[in-house]
Protein backbone atom coordinates (compact mmCIF):
# COMPACT_ATOMS: atom_id res chain seq x y z
CA MET A 1 -8.79 15.29 -27.65
CA HIS A 2 -6.26 18.02 -27.12
CA LEU A 3 -2.98 17.36 -25.25
CA VAL A 4 -3.73 20.23 -22.81
CA TYR A 5 -6.47 18.35 -20.88
CA PRO A 6 -4.39 15.50 -19.66
CA VAL A 7 -1.28 17.66 -19.07
CA VAL A 8 -3.27 20.01 -16.89
CA LEU A 9 -4.81 17.09 -14.95
CA SER A 10 -1.40 15.61 -14.56
CA ALA A 11 0.02 18.92 -13.27
CA LEU A 12 -2.84 19.14 -10.74
CA LEU A 13 -2.34 15.57 -9.60
CA PHE A 14 1.40 16.19 -9.25
CA CYS A 15 0.89 19.34 -7.26
CA THR A 16 -1.54 17.58 -4.92
CA GLY A 17 0.95 14.82 -4.37
CA LEU A 18 3.77 17.26 -3.81
CA TYR A 19 1.70 19.16 -1.16
CA GLY A 20 0.93 15.75 0.53
CA VAL A 21 4.59 14.89 0.68
CA LEU A 22 5.63 18.23 2.05
CA ALA A 23 2.70 18.83 4.54
CA ARG A 24 1.89 15.40 5.90
CA ARG A 25 3.25 13.93 9.05
CA ASN A 26 2.10 10.36 8.73
CA ALA A 27 4.48 8.12 6.81
CA ILE A 28 1.61 6.17 5.14
CA LEU A 29 0.12 9.34 3.74
CA VAL A 30 3.53 10.50 2.48
CA LEU A 31 3.79 7.14 0.61
CA MET A 32 0.22 7.69 -0.85
CA SER A 33 1.33 11.12 -1.97
CA VAL A 34 4.39 9.60 -3.74
CA GLU A 35 2.10 7.23 -5.52
CA LEU A 36 -0.13 10.10 -6.65
CA MET A 37 2.93 11.81 -8.05
CA LEU A 38 4.00 8.74 -9.90
CA ASN A 39 0.41 8.37 -11.40
CA ALA A 40 0.64 11.86 -12.66
CA VAL A 41 3.84 11.01 -14.40
CA ASN A 42 2.14 7.97 -15.92
CA LEU A 43 -0.66 9.97 -17.24
CA ASN A 44 1.78 12.38 -18.82
CA LEU A 45 3.71 9.46 -20.39
CA VAL A 46 0.53 7.94 -21.94
CA ALA A 47 -0.77 11.33 -23.16
CA PHE A 48 2.34 12.29 -24.93
CA ASP A 49 2.75 8.77 -26.32
CA VAL A 50 -0.77 8.98 -27.82
CA TRP A 51 -0.13 12.54 -29.11
CA LEU A 52 3.17 11.67 -30.65
CA SER A 53 1.95 8.46 -32.17
CA LYS A 54 -0.57 10.37 -34.35
CA ALA A 55 2.43 11.95 -36.21
CA ALA A 56 4.41 8.65 -36.73
CA VAL A 57 3.55 5.94 -39.24
CA GLU A 58 5.00 3.07 -37.14
CA THR A 59 4.40 3.53 -33.42
CA LEU A 60 6.64 1.95 -30.74
CA HIS A 61 4.31 2.99 -27.80
CA SER A 62 7.38 3.65 -25.75
CA GLY A 63 5.38 5.92 -23.39
CA GLN A 64 3.14 3.08 -22.51
CA ALA A 65 6.04 0.68 -21.94
CA LEU A 66 7.70 3.17 -19.65
CA THR A 67 4.44 3.43 -17.85
CA LEU A 68 4.39 -0.33 -17.18
CA PHE A 69 7.91 -0.10 -15.75
CA THR A 70 6.91 2.90 -13.59
CA ILE A 71 3.94 0.90 -12.31
CA ALA A 72 6.12 -2.06 -11.53
CA ILE A 73 8.69 0.03 -9.66
CA ALA A 74 5.88 1.93 -7.82
CA ALA A 75 4.51 -1.44 -6.64
CA ALA A 76 7.83 -2.54 -5.27
CA GLU A 77 8.43 0.79 -3.71
CA ILE A 78 5.09 0.82 -1.85
CA GLY A 79 5.56 -2.82 -0.70
CA ILE A 80 8.94 -2.19 0.67
CA GLY A 81 8.06 1.26 2.00
CA LEU A 82 5.01 -0.17 3.80
CA ALA A 83 7.10 -2.89 5.43
CA ILE A 84 9.52 -0.35 6.67
CA VAL A 85 6.78 1.90 8.08
CA LEU A 86 5.09 -1.16 9.77
CA ALA A 87 8.50 -2.27 11.24
CA VAL A 88 9.21 1.30 12.56
CA HIS A 89 5.57 1.54 13.98
CA ARG A 90 6.06 -1.70 15.85
CA ASN A 91 9.47 -0.65 17.37
CA ARG A 92 8.63 2.88 18.05
CA GLY A 93 4.89 2.90 18.41
CA THR A 94 4.22 5.79 16.03
CA SER A 95 4.52 6.46 12.39
CA ASP A 96 4.75 10.33 12.76
CA ILE A 97 7.65 11.56 10.73
CA ASP A 98 8.45 14.47 12.98
CA ARG A 99 8.65 12.24 15.99
CA LEU A 100 10.87 9.56 14.47
CA ARG A 101 14.63 10.00 14.82
CA ASP A 102 17.48 7.97 13.64
CA THR A 103 17.17 4.40 14.94
CA ALA A 104 20.59 4.67 16.63
CA GLU A 105 19.34 7.35 18.89
CA GLY A 106 17.56 6.70 22.07
CA PRO A 107 14.43 8.26 23.27
CA GLU A 108 14.44 12.11 23.34
CA SER A 109 15.28 13.42 26.83
CA ASP A 110 13.85 16.74 28.21
CA GLY A 111 16.76 17.29 30.57
CA PRO A 112 19.08 20.29 30.62
CA ASP A 113 21.51 18.80 28.13
CA SER A 114 18.82 17.96 25.58
CA GLY A 115 20.13 20.67 23.27
CA ALA A 116 23.68 19.44 23.51
CA SER A 117 25.48 17.92 20.42
CA ALA A 118 26.41 14.26 20.09
CA ALA A 119 30.09 15.21 20.60
CA GLU A 120 29.34 17.00 23.85
CA LYS A 121 27.34 14.14 25.06
CA ALA A 122 30.13 11.64 24.16
CA GLU A 123 32.57 13.70 26.17
CA ALA A 124 30.18 13.90 29.08
CA THR A 125 29.85 10.15 29.31
CA ALA A 126 33.71 9.42 28.77
């Protein structure tokens, strides 16, 4: 098999994941898109490992070893990321990325000073 096929598939998977990260508003879908991007990288690592191992007499399979490390890191990332998203959803009631603000901020007000900066709000309360 040629190297072009898995590389093109990997590029398409990575671009799909990148679109998902940039266009999605739901935090869980963003995490899934990041996983898709990591799997595209894993496909590239294994494809280049197989392609390069044909030329070498003794192979180390370093691409496959790096893929295992990437899978382990991705599993930890999705576990921690999902826990954070669930905690934020319990506290805020939404997992919409655009509606979430820094946890130190209060709920958004629609008053006349809603466009004021933090320094102006601090001066107004002092």
